Protein backbone atom coordinates (compact mmCIF):
# COMPACT_ATOMS: atom_id res chain seq x y z
CA UNK A 1 45.10 -62.32 38.54
CA UNK A 2 47.20 -64.94 40.32
CA UNK A 3 48.82 -63.90 43.57
CA UNK A 4 52.37 -64.15 42.23
CA UNK A 5 51.55 -61.92 39.25
CA UNK A 6 49.84 -59.43 41.52
CA UNK A 7 52.89 -59.46 43.80
CA UNK A 8 55.12 -58.80 40.77
CA UNK A 9 52.98 -55.79 39.87
CA UNK A 10 53.26 -54.45 43.43
CA UNK A 11 57.03 -54.98 43.36
CA UNK A 12 57.24 -53.09 40.09
CA UNK A 13 55.38 -50.18 41.70
CA UNK A 14 57.84 -50.33 44.61
CA UNK A 15 60.66 -50.06 42.07
CA UNK A 16 58.90 -46.98 40.65
CA UNK A 17 58.76 -45.46 44.14
CA UNK A 18 62.43 -46.17 44.75
CA UNK A 19 63.26 -44.62 41.40
CA UNK A 20 61.38 -41.45 42.40
CA UNK A 21 63.41 -41.23 45.60
CA UNK A 22 66.66 -41.87 43.74
CA UNK A 23 65.94 -39.30 41.02
CA UNK A 24 65.05 -36.66 43.60
CA UNK A 25 68.21 -37.35 45.62
CA UNK A 26 70.44 -37.28 42.54
CA UNK A 27 68.85 -34.06 41.29
CA UNK A 28 69.37 -32.50 44.73
CA UNK A 29 73.01 -33.63 44.75
CA UNK A 30 73.61 -32.22 41.27
CA UNK A 31 72.02 -28.91 42.24
CA UNK A 32 74.06 -28.78 45.46
CA UNK A 33 77.29 -29.45 43.57
CA UNK A 34 76.38 -26.76 41.07
CA UNK A 35 75.79 -24.31 43.92
CA UNK A 36 79.05 -25.31 45.62
CA UNK A 37 80.90 -24.74 42.37
CA UNK A 38 79.92 -21.06 42.49
CA UNK A 39 80.88 -20.61 46.16
CA UNK A 40 83.60 -17.98 46.50
CA UNK A 41 85.49 -19.85 49.22
CA UNK A 42 85.93 -22.83 46.87
CA UNK A 43 86.82 -20.86 43.73
CA UNK A 44 90.57 -21.17 44.41
CA UNK A 45 90.47 -24.92 45.03
CA UNK A 46 91.29 -26.25 41.57
CA UNK A 47 90.93 -29.92 42.51
CA UNK A 48 87.40 -29.33 43.76
CA UNK A 49 86.50 -27.26 40.69
CA UNK A 50 87.80 -30.00 38.36
CA UNK A 51 85.87 -32.66 40.23
CA UNK A 52 82.63 -30.68 40.27
CA UNK A 53 82.98 -29.60 36.67
CA UNK A 54 83.18 -33.17 35.46
CA UNK A 55 80.81 -34.87 37.89
CA UNK A 56 77.83 -32.52 37.66
CA UNK A 57 77.12 -33.54 34.08
CA UNK A 58 77.42 -37.21 34.93
CA UNK A 59 75.00 -36.85 37.83
CA UNK A 60 72.49 -35.02 35.61
CA UNK A 61 72.89 -37.88 33.12
CA UNK A 62 72.00 -40.33 35.89
CA UNK A 63 68.96 -38.20 36.71
CA UNK A 64 67.75 -38.35 33.11
CA UNK A 65 68.40 -42.09 32.88
CA UNK A 66 66.66 -42.70 36.22
CA UNK A 67 63.66 -40.64 35.12
CA UNK A 68 63.38 -42.57 31.85
CA UNK A 69 63.68 -45.89 33.72
CA UNK A 70 61.02 -44.71 36.18
CA UNK A 71 58.56 -43.90 33.36
CA UNK A 72 59.28 -47.23 31.66
CA UNK A 73 58.67 -49.12 34.91
CA UNK A 74 55.40 -47.24 35.52
CA UNK A 75 54.17 -48.02 31.99
CA UNK A 76 55.02 -51.70 32.43
CA UNK A 77 53.29 -51.81 35.82
CA UNK A 78 50.09 -50.58 34.18
CA UNK A 79 50.28 -53.31 31.51
CA UNK A 80 49.70 -56.17 33.96
CA UNK A 81 45.91 -55.98 33.68
CA UNK A 82 45.49 -55.84 29.88
CA UNK A 83 48.88 -56.82 28.50
CA UNK A 84 49.50 -59.88 26.43
CA UNK A 85 52.55 -62.06 25.99
CA UNK A 86 54.51 -59.15 24.52
CA UNK A 87 54.04 -57.22 27.76
CA UNK A 88 55.19 -60.28 29.71
CA UNK A 89 58.37 -60.58 27.66
CA UNK A 90 59.04 -56.83 27.99
CA UNK A 91 58.55 -57.02 31.76
CA UNK A 92 60.93 -59.98 31.93
CA UNK A 93 63.61 -58.14 29.94
CA UNK A 94 63.10 -54.99 32.03
CA UNK A 95 63.43 -56.98 35.26
CA UNK A 96 66.60 -58.73 34.11
CA UNK A 97 68.23 -55.48 32.98
CA UNK A 98 67.20 -53.81 36.25
CA UNK A 99 68.76 -56.67 38.22
CA UNK A 100 72.01 -56.38 36.27
CA UNK A 101 72.11 -52.58 36.65
CA UNK A 102 71.43 -52.96 40.36
CA UNK A 103 74.44 -55.23 40.70
CA UNK A 104 77.04 -53.43 38.62
CA UNK A 105 77.09 -49.66 38.97
CA UNK A 106 74.99 -49.27 42.11
CA UNK A 107 76.11 -52.19 44.28
CA UNK A 108 74.95 -51.10 47.74
CA UNK A 109 71.92 -48.97 46.93
CA UNK A 110 70.98 -51.19 44.00
CA UNK A 111 70.63 -54.30 46.15
CA UNK A 112 66.93 -53.70 46.81
CA UNK A 113 66.34 -53.07 43.10
CA UNK A 114 68.17 -56.28 42.28
CA UNK A 115 66.13 -58.40 44.66
CA UNK A 116 62.82 -56.88 43.56
CA UNK A 117 63.72 -57.23 39.88
CA UNK A 118 64.68 -60.89 40.29
CA UNK A 119 61.38 -61.57 42.05
CA UNK A 120 59.45 -59.75 39.32
CA UNK A 121 61.21 -61.83 36.66
CA UNK A 122 60.51 -65.07 38.52
CA UNK A 123 56.84 -64.27 39.21
CA UNK A 124 56.14 -63.10 35.67
CA UNK A 125 58.16 -65.89 34.08
CA UNK A 126 56.58 -68.80 35.95
CA UNK A 127 53.59 -70.84 34.79
CA UNK A 128 51.06 -68.59 36.54
CA UNK A 129 52.51 -65.54 34.84
CA UNK A 130 52.48 -67.24 31.46
CA UNK A 131 48.88 -68.34 31.92
CA UNK A 132 47.80 -64.84 33.01
CA UNK A 133 49.40 -62.99 30.12
CA UNK A 134 48.31 -65.61 27.55
CA UNK A 135 44.68 -65.76 28.74
CA UNK A 136 41.96 -65.21 26.13
CA UNK A 137 40.52 -61.69 26.02
CA UNK A 138 37.00 -61.15 24.76
């Protein structure tokens, strides 16, 4: 495996690790907001109750999306060794979508995801990546 393709695989595993951290933090935040919603001292605060009532579901949605993205990234990271050109194209599309998602909704915390995803796309999309994924398999 060429060094750039191997580096792309490592970067994809780093993205998986960052996703694990993000999913755990978001799940903790959603659970904490749910617990705060039931706190007696905050029951009379209608603004807080409205905010928590609407945002808890959104945060749990982010947790589910992050978990699905994590599993997809882990599956793609395992396809580097045996995958063909279809795996290469899927990894490229995944990396590009990850870079875009890192820019738009999660600007500050998504910056690392964006940089890693761009590097994965470049390393998989270059000539070494094409040669690796199109190699003959016997």
